Amino acid sequence: MALEAPFFGKNVQSMLKLGRAQGVAMAAALTREIPIVEYAPRKVKQSVTGNGNASKEQVAAMLKTMFKFEDTPKLLDATDALAVAVCHHFQSGVLPTRGGSKSWGAFLAENPDRVK
């Protein structure tokens, strides 16, 4: 499970609610023995846009280009979550890439239950 590490904001109530939500998500992952990785907001932005100081709108625009979706949500929470997942993918190197030591064919052969 990949999470964005909390940052210090101006709104204490928002920070409290975010902390509670992250705590519940972490507890759920731990009960299933799912590893948890946290990424700093700057790391997430750097991974997606190449700029650790990018705005939420810039992150959303880059994701829109990467995944070719048409509408950008009004509230950018969805693109923030997708950015964390993309960052985790880039950082973990879990999935094989073209030209790497593993091919997609090898991955599929080793994981037939993951293909539908």
PDB file of N, CA and C in Angstrom:
ATOM      1  N   MET A   1       0.854  -1.160   0.000  1.00  0.00           N
ATOM      2  CA  MET A   1       0.000   0.000   0.000  1.00  0.00           C
ATOM      3  C   MET A   1       0.902   1.225   0.000  1.00  0.00           C
ATOM      4  N   ALA A   2       0.600   2.137  -0.850  1.00  0.00           N
ATOM      5  CA  ALA A   2       1.366   3.376  -0.931  1.00  0.00           C
ATOM      6  C   ALA A   2       0.515   4.525  -0.410  1.00  0.00           C
ATOM      7  N   LEU A   3       1.114   5.322   0.455  1.00  0.00           N
ATOM      8  CA  LEU A   3       0.442   6.487   1.019  1.00  0.00           C
ATOM      9  C   LEU A   3       1.315   7.720   0.852  1.00  0.00           C
ATOM     10  N   GLU A   4       0.665   8.851   0.768  1.00  0.00           N
ATOM     11  CA  GLU A   4       1.403  10.113   0.789  1.00  0.00           C
ATOM     12  C   GLU A   4       1.559  10.528   2.245  1.00  0.00           C
ATOM     13  N   ALA A   5       2.785  10.804   2.640  1.00  0.00           N
ATOM     14  CA  ALA A   5       3.046  11.235   4.014  1.00  0.00           C
ATOM     15  C   ALA A   5       2.334  12.562   4.254  1.00  0.00           C
ATOM     16  N   PRO A   6       1.775  12.740   5.433  1.00  0.00           N
ATOM     17  CA  PRO A   6       1.091  14.000   5.707  1.00  0.00           C
ATOM     18  C   PRO A   6       2.074  15.159   5.736  1.00  0.00           C
ATOM     19  N   PHE A   7       1.565  16.314   5.363  1.00  0.00           N
ATOM     20  CA  PHE A   7       2.366  17.527   5.418  1.00  0.00           C
ATOM     21  C   PHE A   7       1.702  18.469   6.405  1.00  0.00           C
ATOM     22  N   PHE A   8       2.430  19.434   6.887  1.00  0.00           N
ATOM     23  CA  PHE A   8       1.886  20.369   7.864  1.00  0.00           C
ATOM     24  C   PHE A   8       1.120  21.464   7.149  1.00  0.00           C
ATOM     25  N   GLY A   9      -0.175  21.465   7.345  1.00  0.00           N
ATOM     26  CA  GLY A   9      -1.016  22.477   6.723  1.00  0.00           C
ATOM     27  C   GLY A   9      -1.468  23.509   7.735  1.00  0.00           C
ATOM     28  N   LYS A  10      -2.242  24.448   7.261  1.00  0.00           N
ATOM     29  CA  LYS A  10      -2.729  25.517   8.130  1.00  0.00           C
ATOM     30  C   LYS A  10      -3.991  25.114   8.879  1.00  0.00           C
ATOM     31  N   ASN A  11      -4.759  24.184   8.315  1.00  0.00           N
ATOM     32  CA  ASN A  11      -6.038  23.805   8.896  1.00  0.00           C
ATOM     33  C   ASN A  11      -5.854  22.583   9.802  1.00  0.00           C
ATOM     34  N   VAL A  12      -5.900  22.782  11.097  1.00  0.00           N
ATOM     35  CA  VAL A  12      -5.679  21.714  12.068  1.00  0.00           C
ATOM     36  C   VAL A  12      -6.756  20.644  11.961  1.00  0.00           C
ATOM     37  N   GLN A  13      -7.993  21.028  11.740  1.00  0.00           N
ATOM     38  CA  GLN A  13      -9.084  20.060  11.620  1.00  0.00           C
ATOM     39  C   GLN A  13      -8.876  19.129  10.430  1.00  0.00           C
ATOM     40  N   SER A  14      -8.429  19.688   9.317  1.00  0.00           N
ATOM     41  CA  SER A  14      -8.154  18.853   8.137  1.00  0.00           C
ATOM     42  C   SER A  14      -7.029  17.871   8.416  1.00  0.00           C
ATOM     43  N   MET A  15      -6.002  18.329   9.093  1.00  0.00           N
ATOM     44  CA  MET A  15      -4.875  17.459   9.423  1.00  0.00           C
ATOM     45  C   MET A  15      -5.321  16.326  10.347  1.00  0.00           C
ATOM     46  N   LEU A  16      -6.169  16.632  11.302  1.00  0.00           N
ATOM     47  CA  LEU A  16      -6.669  15.626  12.225  1.00  0.00           C
ATOM     48  C   LEU A  16      -7.482  14.568  11.479  1.00  0.00           C
ATOM     49  N   LYS A  17      -8.361  15.000  10.596  1.00  0.00           N
ATOM     50  CA  LYS A  17      -9.182  14.068   9.820  1.00  0.00           C
ATOM     51  C   LYS A  17      -8.330  13.220   8.887  1.00  0.00           C
ATOM     52  N   LEU A  18      -7.340  13.827   8.258  1.00  0.00           N
ATOM     53  CA  LEU A  18      -6.444  13.083   7.377  1.00  0.00           C
ATOM     54  C   LEU A  18      -5.671  12.037   8.167  1.00  0.00           C
ATOM     55  N   GLY A  19      -5.189  12.401   9.329  1.00  0.00           N
ATOM     56  CA  GLY A  19      -4.452  11.458  10.173  1.00  0.00           C
ATOM     57  C   GLY A  19      -5.302  10.273  10.576  1.00  0.00           C
ATOM     58  N   ARG A  20      -6.556  10.537  10.904  1.00  0.00           N
ATOM     59  CA  ARG A  20      -7.466   9.445  11.266  1.00  0.00           C
ATOM     60  C   ARG A  20      -7.698   8.518  10.075  1.00  0.00           C
ATOM     61  N   ALA A  21      -7.937   9.097   8.904  1.00  0.00           N
ATOM     62  CA  ALA A  21      -8.187   8.287   7.709  1.00  0.00           C
ATOM     63  C   ALA A  21      -6.962   7.450   7.359  1.00  0.00           C
ATOM     64  N   GLN A  22      -5.784   8.052   7.446  1.00  0.00           N
ATOM     65  CA  GLN A  22      -4.572   7.297   7.151  1.00  0.00           C
ATOM     66  C   GLN A  22      -4.343   6.192   8.183  1.00  0.00           C
ATOM     67  N   GLY A  23      -4.661   6.464   9.426  1.00  0.00           N
ATOM     68  CA  GLY A  23      -4.524   5.450  10.470  1.00  0.00           C
ATOM     69  C   GLY A  23      -5.414   4.248  10.218  1.00  0.00           C
ATOM     70  N   VAL A  24      -6.636   4.490   9.800  1.00  0.00           N
ATOM     71  CA  VAL A  24      -7.567   3.400   9.492  1.00  0.00           C
ATOM     72  C   VAL A  24      -7.057   2.598   8.292  1.00  0.00           C
ATOM     73  N   ALA A  25      -6.597   3.301   7.252  1.00  0.00           N
ATOM     74  CA  ALA A  25      -6.072   2.617   6.070  1.00  0.00           C
ATOM     75  C   ALA A  25      -4.850   1.775   6.432  1.00  0.00           C
ATOM     76  N   MET A  26      -3.982   2.315   7.268  1.00  0.00           N
ATOM     77  CA  MET A  26      -2.782   1.584   7.674  1.00  0.00           C
ATOM     78  C   MET A  26      -3.153   0.361   8.527  1.00  0.00           C
ATOM     79  N   ALA A  27      -4.093   0.526   9.417  1.00  0.00           N
ATOM     80  CA  ALA A  27      -4.528  -0.596  10.258  1.00  0.00           C
ATOM     81  C   ALA A  27      -5.123  -1.707   9.401  1.00  0.00           C
ATOM     82  N   ALA A  28      -5.916  -1.328   8.400  1.00  0.00           N
ATOM     83  CA  ALA A  28      -6.507  -2.328   7.506  1.00  0.00           C
ATOM     84  C   ALA A  28      -5.416  -3.073   6.744  1.00  0.00           C
ATOM     85  N   ALA A  29      -4.413  -2.350   6.275  1.00  0.00           N
ATOM     86  CA  ALA A  29      -3.312  -2.996   5.550  1.00  0.00           C
ATOM     87  C   ALA A  29      -2.533  -3.931   6.471  1.00  0.00           C
ATOM     88  N   LEU A  30      -2.272  -3.481   7.676  1.00  0.00           N
ATOM     89  CA  LEU A  30      -1.498  -4.298   8.611  1.00  0.00           C
ATOM     90  C   LEU A  30      -2.222  -5.577   8.997  1.00  0.00           C
ATOM     91  N   THR A  31      -3.561  -5.520   9.125  1.00  0.00           N
ATOM     92  CA  THR A  31      -4.307  -6.736   9.463  1.00  0.00           C
ATOM     93  C   THR A  31      -4.240  -7.767   8.342  1.00  0.00           C
ATOM     94  N   ARG A  32      -3.993  -7.306   7.116  1.00  0.00           N
ATOM     95  CA  ARG A  32      -3.860  -8.205   5.957  1.00  0.00           C
ATOM     96  C   ARG A  32      -2.394  -8.464   5.613  1.00  0.00           C
ATOM     97  N   GLU A  33      -1.498  -7.974   6.453  1.00  0.00           N
ATOM     98  CA  GLU A  33      -0.054  -8.116   6.248  1.00  0.00           C
ATOM     99  C   GLU A  33       0.403  -7.539   4.906  1.00  0.00           C
ATOM    100  N   ILE A  34      -0.209  -6.418   4.537  1.00  0.00           N
ATOM    101  CA  ILE A  34       0.164  -5.705   3.310  1.00  0.00           C
ATOM    102  C   ILE A  34       1.222  -4.672   3.678  1.00  0.00           C
ATOM    103  N   PRO A  35       2.363  -4.698   3.005  1.00  0.00           N
ATOM    104  CA  PRO A  35       3.401  -3.713   3.323  1.00  0.00           C
ATOM    105  C   PRO A  35       2.933  -2.290   3.015  1.00  0.00           C
ATOM    106  N   ILE A  36       3.389  -1.353   3.825  1.00  0.00           N
ATOM    107  CA  ILE A  36       3.010   0.053   3.673  1.00  0.00           C
ATOM    108  C   ILE A  36       4.252   0.864   3.342  1.00  0.00           C
ATOM    109  N   VAL A  37       4.137   1.713   2.323  1.00  0.00           N
ATOM    110  CA  VAL A  37       5.217   2.607   1.940  1.00  0.00           C
ATOM    111  C   VAL A  37       4.657   4.024   1.914  1.00  0.00           C
ATOM    112  N   GLU A  38       5.400   4.954   2.493  1.00  0.00           N
ATOM    113  CA  GLU A  38       4.984   6.362   2.480  1.00  0.00           C
ATOM    114  C   GLU A  38       5.932   7.160   1.601  1.00  0.00           C
ATOM    115  N   TYR A  39       5.365   8.070   0.845  1.00  0.00           N
ATOM    116  CA  TYR A  39       6.147   8.959  -0.009  1.00  0.00           C
ATOM    117  C   TYR A  39       5.843  10.403   0.377  1.00  0.00           C
ATOM    118  N   ALA A  40       6.878  11.205   0.447  1.00  0.00           N
ATOM    119  CA  ALA A  40       6.702  12.630   0.722  1.00  0.00           C
ATOM    120  C   ALA A  40       5.987  13.278  -0.461  1.00  0.00           C
ATOM    121  N   PRO A  41       5.151  14.283  -0.195  1.00  0.00           N
ATOM    122  CA  PRO A  41       4.448  14.953  -1.300  1.00  0.00           C
ATOM    123  C   PRO A  41       5.402  15.422  -2.405  1.00  0.00           C
ATOM    124  N   ARG A  42       6.550  15.922  -2.016  1.00  0.00           N
ATOM    125  CA  ARG A  42       7.532  16.399  -3.000  1.00  0.00           C
ATOM    126  C   ARG A  42       8.022  15.243  -3.886  1.00  0.00           C
ATOM    127  N   LYS A  43       8.198  14.056  -3.296  1.00  0.00           N
ATOM    128  CA  LYS A  43       8.646  12.879  -4.044  1.00  0.00           C
ATOM    129  C   LYS A  43       7.584  12.452  -5.053  1.00  0.00           C
ATOM    130  N   VAL A  44       6.330  12.498  -4.644  1.00  0.00           N
ATOM    131  CA  VAL A  44       5.227  12.136  -5.538  1.00  0.00           C
ATOM    132  C   VAL A  44       5.202  13.085  -6.732  1.00  0.00           C
ATOM    133  N   LYS A  45       5.270  14.379  -6.456  1.00  0.00           N
ATOM    134  CA  LYS A  45       5.246  15.378  -7.534  1.00  0.00           C
ATOM    135  C   LYS A  45       6.444  15.214  -8.461  1.00  0.00           C
ATOM    136  N   GLN A  46       7.619  14.965  -7.884  1.00  0.00           N
ATOM    137  CA  GLN A  46       8.846  14.774  -8.672  1.00  0.00           C
ATOM    138  C   GLN A  46       8.715  13.561  -9.585  1.00  0.00           C
ATOM    139  N   SER A  47       8.152  12.468  -9.065  1.00  0.00           N
ATOM    140  CA  SER A  47       8.008  11.243  -9.852  1.00  0.00           C
ATOM    141  C   SER A  47       7.069  11.421 -11.033  1.00  0.00           C
ATOM    142  N   VAL A  48       6.008  12.189 -10.823  1.00  0.00           N
ATOM    143  CA  VAL A  48       4.986  12.330 -11.860  1.00  0.00           C
ATOM    144  C   VAL A  48       5.322  13.430 -12.859  1.00  0.00           C
ATOM    145  N   THR A  49       5.794  14.576 -12.364  1.00  0.00           N
ATOM    146  CA  THR A  49       5.988  15.730 -13.246  1.00  0.00           C
ATOM    147  C   THR A  49       7.452  16.062 -13.523  1.00  0.00           C
ATOM    148  N   GLY A  50       8.354  15.537 -12.696  1.00  0.00           N
ATOM    149  CA  GLY A  50       9.752  15.926 -12.818  1.00  0.00           C
ATOM    150  C   GLY A  50      10.083  17.162 -12.005  1.00  0.00           C
ATOM    151  N   ASN A  51       9.077  17.709 -11.302  1.00  0.00           N
ATOM    152  CA  ASN A  51       9.251  18.926 -10.507  1.00  0.00           C
ATOM    153  C   ASN A  51       8.625  18.703  -9.137  1.00  0.00           C
ATOM    154  N   GLY A  52       9.448  18.670  -8.096  1.00  0.00           N
ATOM    155  CA  GLY A  52       8.941  18.455  -6.748  1.00  0.00           C
ATOM    156  C   GLY A  52       8.103  19.588  -6.208  1.00  0.00           C
ATOM    157  N   ASN A  53       8.111  20.729  -6.881  1.00  0.00           N
ATOM    158  CA  ASN A  53       7.308  21.879  -6.460  1.00  0.00           C
ATOM    159  C   ASN A  53       6.081  22.080  -7.339  1.00  0.00           C
ATOM    160  N   ALA A  54       5.718  21.085  -8.129  1.00  0.00           N
ATOM    161  CA  ALA A  54       4.571  21.197  -9.037  1.00  0.00           C
ATOM    162  C   ALA A  54       3.281  21.409  -8.253  1.00  0.00           C
ATOM    163  N   SER A  55       2.353  22.094  -8.880  1.00  0.00           N
ATOM    164  CA  SER A  55       1.044  22.315  -8.262  1.00  0.00           C
ATOM    165  C   SER A  55       0.169  21.082  -8.477  1.00  0.00           C
ATOM    166  N   LYS A  56      -0.934  21.018  -7.732  1.00  0.00           N
ATOM    167  CA  LYS A  56      -1.885  19.918  -7.907  1.00  0.00           C
ATOM    168  C   LYS A  56      -2.412  19.902  -9.348  1.00  0.00           C
ATOM    169  N   GLU A  57      -2.609  21.080  -9.914  1.00  0.00           N
ATOM    170  CA  GLU A  57      -3.113  21.179 -11.278  1.00  0.00           C
ATOM    171  C   GLU A  57      -2.092  20.637 -12.283  1.00  0.00           C
ATOM    172  N   GLN A  58      -0.808  20.893 -12.034  1.00  0.00           N
ATOM    173  CA  GLN A  58       0.236  20.375 -12.923  1.00  0.00           C
ATOM    174  C   GLN A  58       0.323  18.855 -12.835  1.00  0.00           C
ATOM    175  N   VAL A  59       0.187  18.324 -11.626  1.00  0.00           N
ATOM    176  CA  VAL A  59       0.195  16.867 -11.445  1.00  0.00           C
ATOM    177  C   VAL A  59      -0.992  16.264 -12.188  1.00  0.00           C
ATOM    178  N   ALA A  60      -2.168  16.858 -12.029  1.00  0.00           N
ATOM    179  CA  ALA A  60      -3.370  16.356 -12.706  1.00  0.00           C
ATOM    180  C   ALA A  60      -3.203  16.408 -14.221  1.00  0.00           C
ATOM    181  N   ALA A  61      -2.612  17.484 -14.729  1.00  0.00           N
ATOM    182  CA  ALA A  61      -2.411  17.611 -16.179  1.00  0.00           C
ATOM    183  C   ALA A  61      -1.457  16.543 -16.702  1.00  0.00           C
ATOM    184  N   MET A  62      -0.401  16.260 -15.956  1.00  0.00           N
ATOM    185  CA  MET A  62       0.545  15.233 -16.388  1.00  0.00           C
ATOM    186  C   MET A  62      -0.119  13.851 -16.377  1.00  0.00           C
ATOM    187  N   LEU A  63      -0.893  13.555 -15.339  1.00  0.00           N
ATOM    188  CA  LEU A  63      -1.598  12.272 -15.281  1.00  0.00           C
ATOM    189  C   LEU A  63      -2.609  12.152 -16.417  1.00  0.00           C
ATOM    190  N   LYS A  64      -3.252  13.263 -16.726  1.00  0.00           N
ATOM    191  CA  LYS A  64      -4.217  13.280 -17.823  1.00  0.00           C
ATOM    192  C   LYS A  64      -3.525  12.924 -19.139  1.00  0.00           C
ATOM    193  N   THR A  65      -2.323  13.427 -19.325  1.00  0.00           N
ATOM    194  CA  THR A  65      -1.538  13.108 -20.517  1.00  0.00           C
ATOM    195  C   THR A  65      -1.067  11.649 -20.494  1.00  0.00           C
ATOM    196  N   MET A  66      -0.578  11.197 -19.346  1.00  0.00           N
ATOM    197  CA  MET A  66      -0.058   9.839 -19.231  1.00  0.00           C
ATOM    198  C   MET A  66      -1.131   8.782 -19.486  1.00  0.00           C
ATOM    199  N   PHE A  67      -2.315   9.003 -18.907  1.00  0.00           N
ATOM    200  CA  PHE A  67      -3.368   7.992 -18.966  1.00  0.00           C
ATOM    201  C   PHE A  67      -4.468   8.301 -19.970  1.00  0.00           C
ATOM    202  N   LYS A  68      -4.313   9.416 -20.654  1.00  0.00           N
ATOM    203  CA  LYS A  68      -5.231   9.795 -21.734  1.00  0.00           C
ATOM    204  C   LYS A  68      -6.697   9.816 -21.296  1.00  0.00           C
ATOM    205  N   PHE A  69      -6.961  10.371 -20.102  1.00  0.00           N
ATOM    206  CA  PHE A  69      -8.358  10.546 -19.728  1.00  0.00           C
ATOM    207  C   PHE A  69      -8.763  11.966 -20.094  1.00  0.00           C
ATOM    208  N   GLU A  70     -10.052  12.148 -20.342  1.00  0.00           N
ATOM    209  CA  GLU A  70     -10.517  13.413 -20.908  1.00  0.00           C
ATOM    210  C   GLU A  70     -10.837  14.475 -19.876  1.00  0.00           C
ATOM    211  N   ASP A  71     -11.523  14.102 -18.812  1.00  0.00           N
ATOM    212  CA  ASP A  71     -11.971  15.082 -17.833  1.00  0.00           C
ATOM    213  C   ASP A  71     -11.071  15.083 -16.610  1.00  0.00           C
ATOM    214  N   THR A  72     -10.708  16.269 -16.171  1.00  0.00           N
ATOM    215  CA  THR A  72      -9.977  16.411 -14.923  1.00  0.00           C
ATOM    216  C   THR A  72     -11.013  16.668 -13.828  1.00  0.00           C
ATOM    217  N   PRO A  73     -10.978  15.906 -12.724  1.00  0.00           N
ATOM    218  CA  PRO A  73     -11.966  16.135 -11.670  1.00  0.00           C
ATOM    219  C   PRO A  73     -11.847  17.536 -11.076  1.00  0.00           C
ATOM    220  N   LYS A  74     -12.973  18.073 -10.614  1.00  0.00           N
ATOM    221  CA  LYS A  74     -12.960  19.401  -9.981  1.00  0.00           C
ATOM    222  C   LYS A  74     -12.133  19.367  -8.703  1.00  0.00           C
ATOM    223  N   LEU A  75     -12.352  18.344  -7.893  1.00  0.00           N
ATOM    224  CA  LEU A  75     -11.544  18.157  -6.692  1.00  0.00           C
ATOM    225  C   LEU A  75     -10.403  17.219  -7.068  1.00  0.00           C
ATOM    226  N   LEU A  76      -9.201  17.598  -6.740  1.00  0.00           N
ATOM    227  CA  LEU A  76      -8.039  16.873  -7.224  1.00  0.00           C
ATOM    228  C   LEU A  76      -7.591  15.734  -6.308  1.00  0.00           C
ATOM    229  N   ASP A  77      -8.467  15.287  -5.396  1.00  0.00           N
ATOM    230  CA  ASP A  77      -8.115  14.166  -4.520  1.00  0.00           C
ATOM    231  C   ASP A  77      -7.874  12.890  -5.320  1.00  0.00           C
ATOM    232  N   ALA A  78      -8.672  12.663  -6.356  1.00  0.00           N
ATOM    233  CA  ALA A  78      -8.519  11.447  -7.162  1.00  0.00           C
ATOM    234  C   ALA A  78      -7.186  11.448  -7.893  1.00  0.00           C
ATOM    235  N   THR A  79      -6.805  12.577  -8.465  1.00  0.00           N
ATOM    236  CA  THR A  79      -5.523  12.623  -9.165  1.00  0.00           C
ATOM    237  C   THR A  79      -4.361  12.578  -8.175  1.00  0.00           C
ATOM    238  N   ASP A  80      -4.542  13.111  -6.976  1.00  0.00           N
ATOM    239  CA  ASP A  80      -3.511  12.990  -5.939  1.00  0.00           C
ATOM    240  C   ASP A  80      -3.273  11.514  -5.611  1.00  0.00           C
ATOM    241  N   ALA A  81      -4.347  10.759  -5.448  1.00  0.00           N
ATOM    242  CA  ALA A  81      -4.229   9.328  -5.127  1.00  0.00           C
ATOM    243  C   ALA A  81      -3.585   8.572  -6.282  1.00  0.00           C
ATOM    244  N   LEU A  82      -3.976   8.885  -7.500  1.00  0.00           N
ATOM    245  CA  LEU A  82      -3.378   8.240  -8.670  1.00  0.00           C
ATOM    246  C   LEU A  82      -1.890   8.579  -8.759  1.00  0.00           C
ATOM    247  N   ALA A  83      -1.534   9.802  -8.418  1.00  0.00           N
ATOM    248  CA  ALA A  83      -0.126  10.213  -8.439  1.00  0.00           C
ATOM    249  C   ALA A  83       0.706   9.391  -7.456  1.00  0.00           C
ATOM    250  N   VAL A  84       0.154   9.105  -6.291  1.00  0.00           N
ATOM    251  CA  VAL A  84       0.868   8.274  -5.309  1.00  0.00           C
ATOM    252  C   VAL A  84       1.071   6.868  -5.877  1.00  0.00           C
ATOM    253  N   ALA A  85       0.049   6.327  -6.526  1.00  0.00           N
ATOM    254  CA  ALA A  85       0.165   4.991  -7.122  1.00  0.00           C
ATOM    255  C   ALA A  85       1.218   4.984  -8.234  1.00  0.00           C
ATOM    256  N   VAL A  86       1.240   6.009  -9.055  1.00  0.00           N
ATOM    257  CA  VAL A  86       2.227   6.107 -10.133  1.00  0.00           C
ATOM    258  C   VAL A  86       3.628   6.226  -9.546  1.00  0.00           C
ATOM    259  N   CYS A  87       3.787   7.055  -8.530  1.00  0.00           N
ATOM    260  CA  CYS A  87       5.069   7.201  -7.851  1.00  0.00           C
ATOM    261  C   CYS A  87       5.534   5.852  -7.313  1.00  0.00           C
ATOM    262  N   HIS A  88       4.650   5.125  -6.679  1.00  0.00           N
ATOM    263  CA  HIS A  88       4.992   3.822  -6.109  1.00  0.00           C
ATOM    264  C   HIS A  88       5.431   2.855  -7.212  1.00  0.00           C
ATOM    265  N   HIS A  89       4.717   2.875  -8.302  1.00  0.00           N
ATOM    266  CA  HIS A  89       5.081   2.025  -9.439  1.00  0.00           C
ATOM    267  C   HIS A  89       6.489   2.370  -9.923  1.00  0.00           C
ATOM    268  N   PHE A  90       6.761   3.651 -10.109  1.00  0.00           N
ATOM    269  CA  PHE A  90       8.077   4.067 -10.591  1.00  0.00           C
ATOM    270  C   PHE A  90       9.178   3.720  -9.589  1.00  0.00           C
ATOM    271  N   GLN A  91       8.891   3.849  -8.310  1.00  0.00           N
ATOM    272  CA  GLN A  91       9.901   3.609  -7.282  1.00  0.00           C
ATOM    273  C   GLN A  91      10.137   2.127  -7.011  1.00  0.00           C
ATOM    274  N   SER A  92       9.089   1.322  -7.122  1.00  0.00           N
ATOM    275  CA  SER A  92       9.219  -0.082  -6.743  1.00  0.00           C
ATOM    276  C   SER A  92       9.809  -0.956  -7.823  1.00  0.00           C
ATOM    277  N   GLY A  93       9.554  -0.615  -9.075  1.00  0.00           N
ATOM    278  CA  GLY A  93      10.046  -1.454 -10.161  1.00  0.00           C
ATOM    279  C   GLY A  93       9.479  -2.856 -10.115  1.00  0.00           C
ATOM    280  N   VAL A  94       8.293  -3.014  -9.549  1.00  0.00           N
ATOM    281  CA  VAL A  94       7.696  -4.342  -9.391  1.00  0.00           C
ATOM    282  C   VAL A  94       7.314  -4.945 -10.731  1.00  0.00           C
ATOM    283  N   LEU A  95       6.719  -4.156 -11.592  1.00  0.00           N
ATOM    284  CA  LEU A  95       6.273  -4.695 -12.875  1.00  0.00           C
ATOM    285  C   LEU A  95       7.418  -4.647 -13.880  1.00  0.00           C
ATOM    286  N   PRO A  96       7.534  -5.653 -14.728  1.00  0.00           N
ATOM    287  CA  PRO A  96       8.606  -5.668 -15.723  1.00  0.00           C
ATOM    288  C   PRO A  96       8.393  -4.602 -16.783  1.00  0.00           C
ATOM    289  N   THR A  97       9.465  -4.206 -17.407  1.00  0.00           N
ATOM    290  CA  THR A  97       9.404  -3.220 -18.477  1.00  0.00           C
ATOM    291  C   THR A  97      10.045  -3.806 -19.726  1.00  0.00           C
ATOM    292  N   ARG A  98       9.759  -3.232 -20.851  1.00  0.00           N
ATOM    293  CA  ARG A  98      10.380  -3.685 -22.090  1.00  0.00           C
ATOM    294  C   ARG A  98      11.883  -3.513 -22.009  1.00  0.00           C
ATOM    295  N   GLY A  99      12.590  -4.503 -22.465  1.00  0.00           N
ATOM    296  CA  GLY A  99      14.037  -4.427 -22.481  1.00  0.00           C
ATOM    297  C   GLY A  99      14.682  -4.744 -21.145  1.00  0.00           C
ATOM    298  N   GLY A 100      13.870  -4.954 -20.105  1.00  0.00           N
ATOM    299  CA  GLY A 100      14.418  -5.292 -18.802  1.00  0.00           C
ATOM    300  C   GLY A 100      14.784  -6.762 -18.739  1.00  0.00           C
ATOM    301  N   SER A 101      15.189  -7.192 -17.577  1.00  0.00           N
ATOM    302  CA  SER A 101      15.578  -8.584 -17.422  1.00  0.00           C
ATOM    303  C   SER A 101      14.371  -9.512 -17.511  1.00  0.00           C
ATOM    304  N   LYS A 102      13.189  -8.973 -17.261  1.00  0.00           N
ATOM    305  CA  LYS A 102      11.966  -9.758 -17.394  1.00  0.00           C
ATOM    306  C   LYS A 102      11.124  -9.152 -18.514  1.00  0.00           C
ATOM    307  N   SER A 103      10.396  -9.990 -19.182  1.00  0.00           N
ATOM    308  CA  SER A 103       9.477  -9.509 -20.200  1.00  0.00           C
ATOM    309  C   SER A 103       8.053  -9.647 -19.677  1.00  0.00           C
ATOM    310  N   TRP A 104       7.112  -9.006 -20.363  1.00  0.00           N
ATOM    311  CA  TRP A 104       5.707  -9.171 -19.985  1.00  0.00           C
ATOM    312  C   TRP A 104       5.303 -10.631 -20.157  1.00  0.00           C
ATOM    313  N   GLY A 105       5.838 -11.292 -21.189  1.00  0.00           N
ATOM    314  CA  GLY A 105       5.522 -12.705 -21.397  1.00  0.00           C
ATOM    315  C   GLY A 105       5.948 -13.560 -20.216  1.00  0.00           C
ATOM    316  N   ALA A 106       7.158 -13.271 -19.688  1.00  0.00           N
ATOM    317  CA  ALA A 106       7.640 -14.012 -18.519  1.00  0.00           C
ATOM    318  C   ALA A 106       6.770 -13.714 -17.305  1.00  0.00           C
ATOM    319  N   PHE A 107       6.391 -12.458 -17.146  1.00  0.00           N
ATOM    320  CA  PHE A 107       5.529 -12.080 -16.027  1.00  0.00           C
ATOM    321  C   PHE A 107       4.201 -12.823 -16.103  1.00  0.00           C
ATOM    322  N   LEU A 108       3.601 -12.866 -17.293  1.00  0.00           N
ATOM    323  CA  LEU A 108       2.309 -13.543 -17.464  1.00  0.00           C
ATOM    324  C   LEU A 108       2.440 -15.043 -17.239  1.00  0.00           C
ATOM    325  N   ALA A 109       3.543 -15.617 -17.698  1.00  0.00           N
ATOM    326  CA  ALA A 109       3.762 -17.051 -17.501  1.00  0.00           C
ATOM    327  C   ALA A 109       3.927 -17.385 -16.026  1.00  0.00           C
ATOM    328  N   GLU A 110       4.573 -16.490 -15.266  1.00  0.00           N
ATOM    329  CA  GLU A 110       4.781 -16.712 -13.838  1.00  0.00           C
ATOM    330  C   GLU A 110       3.544 -16.395 -12.996  1.00  0.00           C
ATOM    331  N   ASN A 111       2.610 -15.624 -13.552  1.00  0.00           N
ATOM    332  CA  ASN A 111       1.445 -15.167 -12.792  1.00  0.00           C
ATOM    333  C   ASN A 111       0.151 -15.378 -13.587  1.00  0.00           C
ATOM    334  N   PRO A 112      -0.188 -16.599 -13.978  1.00  0.00           N
ATOM    335  CA  PRO A 112      -1.391 -16.800 -14.787  1.00  0.00           C
ATOM    336  C   PRO A 112      -2.669 -16.403 -14.061  1.00  0.00           C
ATOM    337  N   ASP A 113      -2.670 -16.438 -12.731  1.00  0.00           N
ATOM    338  CA  ASP A 113      -3.853 -16.076 -11.963  1.00  0.00           C
ATOM    339  C   ASP A 113      -4.127 -14.577 -11.982  1.00  0.00           C
ATOM    340  N   ARG A 114      -3.184 -13.772 -12.441  1.00  0.00           N
ATOM    341  CA  ARG A 114      -3.357 -12.319 -12.469  1.00  0.00           C
ATOM    342  C   ARG A 114      -3.892 -11.830 -13.799  1.00  0.00           C
ATOM    343  N   VAL A 115      -4.153 -12.730 -14.721  1.00  0.00           N
ATOM    344  CA  VAL A 115      -4.655 -12.369 -16.030  1.00  0.00           C
ATOM    345  C   VAL A 115      -6.100 -12.827 -16.139  1.00  0.00           C
ATOM    346  N   LYS A 116      -6.959 -11.932 -16.575  1.00  0.00           N
ATOM    347  CA  LYS A 116      -8.379 -12.284 -16.719  1.00  0.00           C
ATOM    348  C   LYS A 116      -8.798 -12.176 -18.151  1.00  0.00           C
TER     349      LYS A 116
END
